[in-house]
Amino acid sequence: MSVIGCWNAWGLNSLRKQMAVRNWTQNNGLGIIGLIEPRLGVNSISEKIAGMGLQGWTFVESESHQPRLLVGWDAGKHNLQVIDKSPQWITCEVAGVGAQTTVTITFVYGHNKPTDRQALWAHLQDQSSANQTRPWAILGDFNAILSHADRAGGSSQWPTYMEDFPTCLQQAGPS
């Protein structure tokens, strides 16, 4: 298995950003990438993917009229099958070409509104049961923090919804 990378790209609409993704991928020997917040319109996805110049790569986007996640892999090195996707996640099973073992990877970009993230927390808890006996990596931007100490600026209040992420991880952890 090669190296997996995840980047909150904040848009892929400029050739400069597309080249930065290519350089990041090549310089770090990445074989699988998750790009968060690519800010692509549906009609421009293939053009932006071509601009990255990652020959032999395959890409899949999250469900949405404006995809929030873009996952790519070097198809010559990896077999990747999307198991589940939504606007907030793409869950994949990955194996090296010719390999027998698989790894599950979930790329995440949590919604900004706490109530909209409830489906994400439920998905991660469900997947934790399904992945108890095999490797599972979760990468991305949850738009949530584990504790008040992880916060910089803003209100000193700790609203109840901020317990959702740590509770999800606790419930999804090993039994």
C-alpha atoms as a PDB file:
ATOM      1  CA  MET A   1       0.000   0.000   0.000  1.00  0.00           C
ATOM      2  CA  SER A   2       1.355   3.404  -0.845  1.00  0.00           C
ATOM      3  CA  VAL A   3       0.926   6.645   1.026  1.00  0.00           C
ATOM      4  CA  ILE A   4      -2.521   8.204   1.449  1.00  0.00           C
ATOM      5  CA  GLY A   5      -2.936  11.983   1.632  1.00  0.00           C
ATOM      6  CA  CYS A   6      -5.806  14.294   2.449  1.00  0.00           C
ATOM      7  CA  TRP A   7      -5.845  18.061   1.838  1.00  0.00           C
ATOM      8  CA  ASN A   8      -8.434  20.767   2.381  1.00  0.00           C
ATOM      9  CA  ALA A   9      -7.640  22.350  -0.962  1.00  0.00           C
ATOM     10  CA  TRP A  10     -10.135  25.254  -0.791  1.00  0.00           C
ATOM     11  CA  GLY A  11     -10.719  25.104  -4.502  1.00  0.00           C
ATOM     12  CA  LEU A  12      -9.124  23.589  -7.589  1.00  0.00           C
ATOM     13  CA  ASN A  13     -10.241  26.226 -10.034  1.00  0.00           C
ATOM     14  CA  SER A  14      -6.834  27.715 -10.784  1.00  0.00           C
ATOM     15  CA  LEU A  15      -4.103  25.977 -12.751  1.00  0.00           C
ATOM     16  CA  ARG A  16      -1.714  27.014  -9.960  1.00  0.00           C
ATOM     17  CA  LYS A  17      -3.736  25.035  -7.386  1.00  0.00           C
ATOM     18  CA  GLN A  18      -4.080  22.054  -9.731  1.00  0.00           C
ATOM     19  CA  MET A  19      -0.295  21.996 -10.198  1.00  0.00           C
ATOM     20  CA  ALA A  20       0.184  22.298  -6.423  1.00  0.00           C
ATOM     21  CA  VAL A  21      -1.941  19.161  -5.962  1.00  0.00           C
ATOM     22  CA  ARG A  22       0.098  17.324  -8.602  1.00  0.00           C
ATOM     23  CA  ASN A  23       3.390  18.383  -6.987  1.00  0.00           C
ATOM     24  CA  TRP A  24       2.144  17.464  -3.480  1.00  0.00           C
ATOM     25  CA  THR A  25       1.034  14.057  -4.771  1.00  0.00           C
ATOM     26  CA  GLN A  26       4.253  13.326  -6.666  1.00  0.00           C
ATOM     27  CA  ASN A  27       6.687  14.778  -4.105  1.00  0.00           C
ATOM     28  CA  ASN A  28       5.153  12.715  -1.311  1.00  0.00           C
ATOM     29  CA  GLY A  29       4.719   9.483  -3.277  1.00  0.00           C
ATOM     30  CA  LEU A  30       0.954   9.534  -2.752  1.00  0.00           C
ATOM     31  CA  GLY A  31      -1.064   6.769  -4.360  1.00  0.00           C
ATOM     32  CA  ILE A  32      -4.467   7.774  -2.969  1.00  0.00           C
ATOM     33  CA  ILE A  33      -5.647  11.323  -2.268  1.00  0.00           C
ATOM     34  CA  GLY A  34      -8.697  12.961  -0.778  1.00  0.00           C
ATOM     35  CA  LEU A  35      -9.306  16.580  -1.710  1.00  0.00           C
ATOM     36  CA  ILE A  36     -11.694  18.436   0.537  1.00  0.00           C
ATOM     37  CA  GLU A  37     -13.640  21.480  -0.553  1.00  0.00           C
ATOM     38  CA  PRO A  38     -12.550  21.359  -4.208  1.00  0.00           C
ATOM     39  CA  ARG A  39     -15.265  23.950  -5.015  1.00  0.00           C
ATOM     40  CA  LEU A  40     -15.991  22.488  -8.410  1.00  0.00           C
ATOM     41  CA  GLY A  41     -19.117  22.828 -10.412  1.00  0.00           C
ATOM     42  CA  VAL A  42     -20.336  19.514 -11.839  1.00  0.00           C
ATOM     43  CA  ASN A  43     -19.579  20.651 -15.382  1.00  0.00           C
ATOM     44  CA  SER A  44     -15.943  21.513 -14.619  1.00  0.00           C
ATOM     45  CA  ILE A  45     -14.791  18.396 -12.762  1.00  0.00           C
ATOM     46  CA  SER A  46     -13.170  16.607 -15.699  1.00  0.00           C
ATOM     47  CA  GLU A  47     -11.394  19.806 -16.779  1.00  0.00           C
ATOM     48  CA  LYS A  48      -9.935  20.364 -13.284  1.00  0.00           C
ATOM     49  CA  ILE A  49      -8.891  16.715 -12.968  1.00  0.00           C
ATOM     50  CA  ALA A  50      -7.107  16.945 -16.331  1.00  0.00           C
ATOM     51  CA  GLY A  51      -5.368  20.131 -15.106  1.00  0.00           C
ATOM     52  CA  MET A  52      -3.779  18.181 -12.238  1.00  0.00           C
ATOM     53  CA  GLY A  53      -1.927  16.046 -14.791  1.00  0.00           C
ATOM     54  CA  LEU A  54      -2.021  12.848 -12.745  1.00  0.00           C
ATOM     55  CA  GLN A  55      -1.729  10.339 -15.589  1.00  0.00           C
ATOM     56  CA  GLY A  56      -3.380   6.975 -14.952  1.00  0.00           C
ATOM     57  CA  TRP A  57      -5.390   8.262 -11.990  1.00  0.00           C
ATOM     58  CA  THR A  58      -9.102   7.734 -11.455  1.00  0.00           C
ATOM     59  CA  PHE A  59     -11.331  10.119  -9.494  1.00  0.00           C
ATOM     60  CA  VAL A  60     -14.714   9.967  -7.810  1.00  0.00           C
ATOM     61  CA  GLU A  61     -16.622  12.851  -6.240  1.00  0.00           C
ATOM     62  CA  SER A  62     -19.068  12.932  -3.332  1.00  0.00           C
ATOM     63  CA  GLU A  63     -22.783  13.130  -3.939  1.00  0.00           C
ATOM     64  CA  SER A  64     -23.892  16.711  -4.306  1.00  0.00           C
ATOM     65  CA  HIS A  65     -24.734  19.228  -6.989  1.00  0.00           C
ATOM     66  CA  GLN A  66     -21.419  20.810  -6.008  1.00  0.00           C
ATOM     67  CA  PRO A  67     -19.100  18.013  -4.787  1.00  0.00           C
ATOM     68  CA  ARG A  68     -17.485  18.610  -1.396  1.00  0.00           C
ATOM     69  CA  LEU A  69     -14.980  15.735  -1.672  1.00  0.00           C
ATOM     70  CA  LEU A  70     -12.866  14.425  -4.517  1.00  0.00           C
ATOM     71  CA  VAL A  71     -10.990  11.122  -4.076  1.00  0.00           C
ATOM     72  CA  GLY A  72      -8.327  10.028  -6.531  1.00  0.00           C
ATOM     73  CA  TRP A  73      -6.059   7.013  -6.856  1.00  0.00           C
ATOM     74  CA  ASP A  74      -3.334   5.692  -9.094  1.00  0.00           C
ATOM     75  CA  ALA A  75      -5.293   2.950 -10.875  1.00  0.00           C
ATOM     76  CA  GLY A  76      -2.077   1.225 -11.930  1.00  0.00           C
ATOM     77  CA  LYS A  77      -1.192   0.602  -8.278  1.00  0.00           C
ATOM     78  CA  HIS A  78      -4.536   0.349  -6.480  1.00  0.00           C
ATOM     79  CA  ASN A  79      -7.933  -1.226  -6.872  1.00  0.00           C
ATOM     80  CA  LEU A  80     -10.399   1.089  -5.165  1.00  0.00           C
ATOM     81  CA  GLN A  81     -14.091   0.396  -4.798  1.00  0.00           C
ATOM     82  CA  VAL A  82     -16.464   2.999  -3.377  1.00  0.00           C
ATOM     83  CA  ILE A  83     -18.636   1.362  -0.725  1.00  0.00           C
ATOM     84  CA  ASP A  84     -20.694   4.366   0.288  1.00  0.00           C
ATOM     85  CA  LYS A  85     -20.780   8.066  -0.406  1.00  0.00           C
ATOM     86  CA  SER A  86     -22.782  11.092   0.598  1.00  0.00           C
ATOM     87  CA  PRO A  87     -22.151  14.843   0.610  1.00  0.00           C
ATOM     88  CA  GLN A  88     -20.084  14.351   3.832  1.00  0.00           C
ATOM     89  CA  TRP A  89     -18.051  11.209   3.151  1.00  0.00           C
ATOM     90  CA  ILE A  90     -16.671   8.743   0.669  1.00  0.00           C
ATOM     91  CA  THR A  91     -15.923   5.298   2.093  1.00  0.00           C
ATOM     92  CA  CYS A  92     -13.753   3.011  -0.031  1.00  0.00           C
ATOM     93  CA  GLU A  93     -12.193  -0.430   0.063  1.00  0.00           C
ATOM     94  CA  VAL A  94      -8.649  -0.372  -1.273  1.00  0.00           C
ATOM     95  CA  ALA A  95      -6.169  -3.081  -2.195  1.00  0.00           C
ATOM     96  CA  GLY A  96      -2.898  -2.905  -4.011  1.00  0.00           C
ATOM     97  CA  VAL A  97      -3.068  -4.384  -7.508  1.00  0.00           C
ATOM     98  CA  GLY A  98      -2.692  -8.150  -7.042  1.00  0.00           C
ATOM     99  CA  ALA A  99      -2.984  -7.915  -3.242  1.00  0.00           C
ATOM    100  CA  GLN A 100      -5.439 -10.039  -1.277  1.00  0.00           C
ATOM    101  CA  THR A 101      -5.917  -7.801   1.761  1.00  0.00           C
ATOM    102  CA  THR A 102      -8.030  -4.674   1.771  1.00  0.00           C
ATOM    103  CA  VAL A 103      -8.091  -1.504   3.810  1.00  0.00           C
ATOM    104  CA  THR A 104     -11.174   0.626   4.337  1.00  0.00           C
ATOM    105  CA  ILE A 105     -10.698   4.385   4.030  1.00  0.00           C
ATOM    106  CA  THR A 106     -13.292   7.037   4.795  1.00  0.00           C
ATOM    107  CA  PHE A 107     -12.641  10.570   3.565  1.00  0.00           C
ATOM    108  CA  VAL A 108     -14.703  13.136   5.484  1.00  0.00           C
ATOM    109  CA  TYR A 109     -15.826  16.716   5.074  1.00  0.00           C
ATOM    110  CA  GLY A 110     -18.375  17.401   7.805  1.00  0.00           C
ATOM    111  CA  HIS A 111     -21.144  19.909   7.241  1.00  0.00           C
ATOM    112  CA  ASN A 112     -20.804  23.307   8.879  1.00  0.00           C
ATOM    113  CA  LYS A 113     -24.094  23.064  10.790  1.00  0.00           C
ATOM    114  CA  PRO A 114     -24.040  20.734  13.809  1.00  0.00           C
ATOM    115  CA  THR A 115     -27.475  19.281  13.028  1.00  0.00           C
ATOM    116  CA  ASP A 116     -26.369  18.438   9.481  1.00  0.00           C
ATOM    117  CA  ARG A 117     -23.395  16.439  10.853  1.00  0.00           C
ATOM    118  CA  GLN A 118     -25.664  13.923  12.648  1.00  0.00           C
ATOM    119  CA  ALA A 119     -25.690  11.653   9.583  1.00  0.00           C
ATOM    120  CA  LEU A 120     -21.866  11.676   9.611  1.00  0.00           C
ATOM    121  CA  TRP A 121     -21.671  10.616  13.256  1.00  0.00           C
ATOM    122  CA  ALA A 122     -24.201   7.824  12.622  1.00  0.00           C
ATOM    123  CA  HIS A 123     -22.249   6.639   9.567  1.00  0.00           C
ATOM    124  CA  LEU A 124     -18.952   6.499  11.462  1.00  0.00           C
ATOM    125  CA  GLN A 125     -20.543   4.556  14.305  1.00  0.00           C
ATOM    126  CA  ASP A 126     -22.129   2.095  11.851  1.00  0.00           C
ATOM    127  CA  GLN A 127     -18.855   1.662   9.980  1.00  0.00           C
ATOM    128  CA  SER A 128     -16.939   1.023  13.209  1.00  0.00           C
ATOM    129  CA  SER A 129     -18.974  -2.172  13.686  1.00  0.00           C
ATOM    130  CA  ALA A 130     -18.368  -3.264  10.101  1.00  0.00           C
ATOM    131  CA  ASN A 131     -14.611  -2.604  10.343  1.00  0.00           C
ATOM    132  CA  GLN A 132     -13.745  -4.146  13.708  1.00  0.00           C
ATOM    133  CA  THR A 133     -11.635  -6.903  12.142  1.00  0.00           C
ATOM    134  CA  ARG A 134      -9.806  -4.970   9.428  1.00  0.00           C
ATOM    135  CA  PRO A 135      -7.799  -1.780   9.045  1.00  0.00           C
ATOM    136  CA  TRP A 136      -9.859   1.388   8.697  1.00  0.00           C
ATOM    137  CA  ALA A 137      -8.493   4.910   8.205  1.00  0.00           C
ATOM    138  CA  ILE A 138     -10.586   8.057   8.553  1.00  0.00           C
ATOM    139  CA  LEU A 139      -9.154  11.268   7.109  1.00  0.00           C
ATOM    140  CA  GLY A 140     -10.562  14.712   6.590  1.00  0.00           C
ATOM    141  CA  ASP A 141     -12.148  17.784   8.070  1.00  0.00           C
ATOM    142  CA  PHE A 142     -14.901  17.002  10.563  1.00  0.00           C
ATOM    143  CA  ASN A 143     -15.731  20.668  11.216  1.00  0.00           C
ATOM    144  CA  ALA A 144     -15.746  19.684  14.881  1.00  0.00           C
ATOM    145  CA  ILE A 145     -13.240  19.505  17.734  1.00  0.00           C
ATOM    146  CA  LEU A 146     -12.655  17.056  20.569  1.00  0.00           C
ATOM    147  CA  SER A 147     -12.218  19.521  23.394  1.00  0.00           C
ATOM    148  CA  HIS A 148     -12.329  23.201  24.247  1.00  0.00           C
ATOM    149  CA  ALA A 149      -8.503  23.196  24.319  1.00  0.00           C
ATOM    150  CA  ASP A 150      -8.510  22.488  20.563  1.00  0.00           C
ATOM    151  CA  ARG A 151     -10.265  25.776  19.898  1.00  0.00           C
ATOM    152  CA  ALA A 152      -8.589  29.070  19.064  1.00  0.00           C
ATOM    153  CA  GLY A 153     -10.684  32.223  19.467  1.00  0.00           C
ATOM    154  CA  GLY A 154     -14.438  32.422  19.422  1.00  0.00           C
ATOM    155  CA  SER A 155     -16.793  32.028  22.318  1.00  0.00           C
ATOM    156  CA  SER A 156     -15.674  30.361  25.536  1.00  0.00           C
ATOM    157  CA  GLN A 157     -19.054  28.584  25.673  1.00  0.00           C
ATOM    158  CA  TRP A 158     -19.117  24.829  25.086  1.00  0.00           C
ATOM    159  CA  PRO A 159     -22.525  24.189  23.488  1.00  0.00           C
ATOM    160  CA  THR A 160     -24.056  20.723  23.891  1.00  0.00           C
ATOM    161  CA  TYR A 161     -23.657  19.875  20.183  1.00  0.00           C
ATOM    162  CA  MET A 162     -19.882  20.073  20.620  1.00  0.00           C
ATOM    163  CA  GLU A 163     -20.086  16.777  22.510  1.00  0.00           C
ATOM    164  CA  ASP A 164     -21.272  15.004  19.338  1.00  0.00           C
ATOM    165  CA  PHE A 165     -17.785  14.410  17.877  1.00  0.00           C
ATOM    166  CA  PRO A 166     -16.079  13.117  21.036  1.00  0.00           C
ATOM    167  CA  THR A 167     -19.133  10.953  21.783  1.00  0.00           C
ATOM    168  CA  CYS A 168     -19.043   9.528  18.265  1.00  0.00           C
ATOM    169  CA  LEU A 169     -15.364   8.582  18.625  1.00  0.00           C
ATOM    170  CA  GLN A 170     -15.937   7.076  22.046  1.00  0.00           C
ATOM    171  CA  GLN A 171     -18.862   4.965  20.827  1.00  0.00           C
ATOM    172  CA  ALA A 172     -17.058   3.962  17.629  1.00  0.00           C
ATOM    173  CA  GLY A 173     -13.872   2.980  19.480  1.00  0.00           C
ATOM    174  CA  PRO A 174     -12.840  -0.578  20.314  1.00  0.00           C
ATOM    175  CA  SER A 175     -15.212  -2.408  22.612  1.00  0.00           C
END
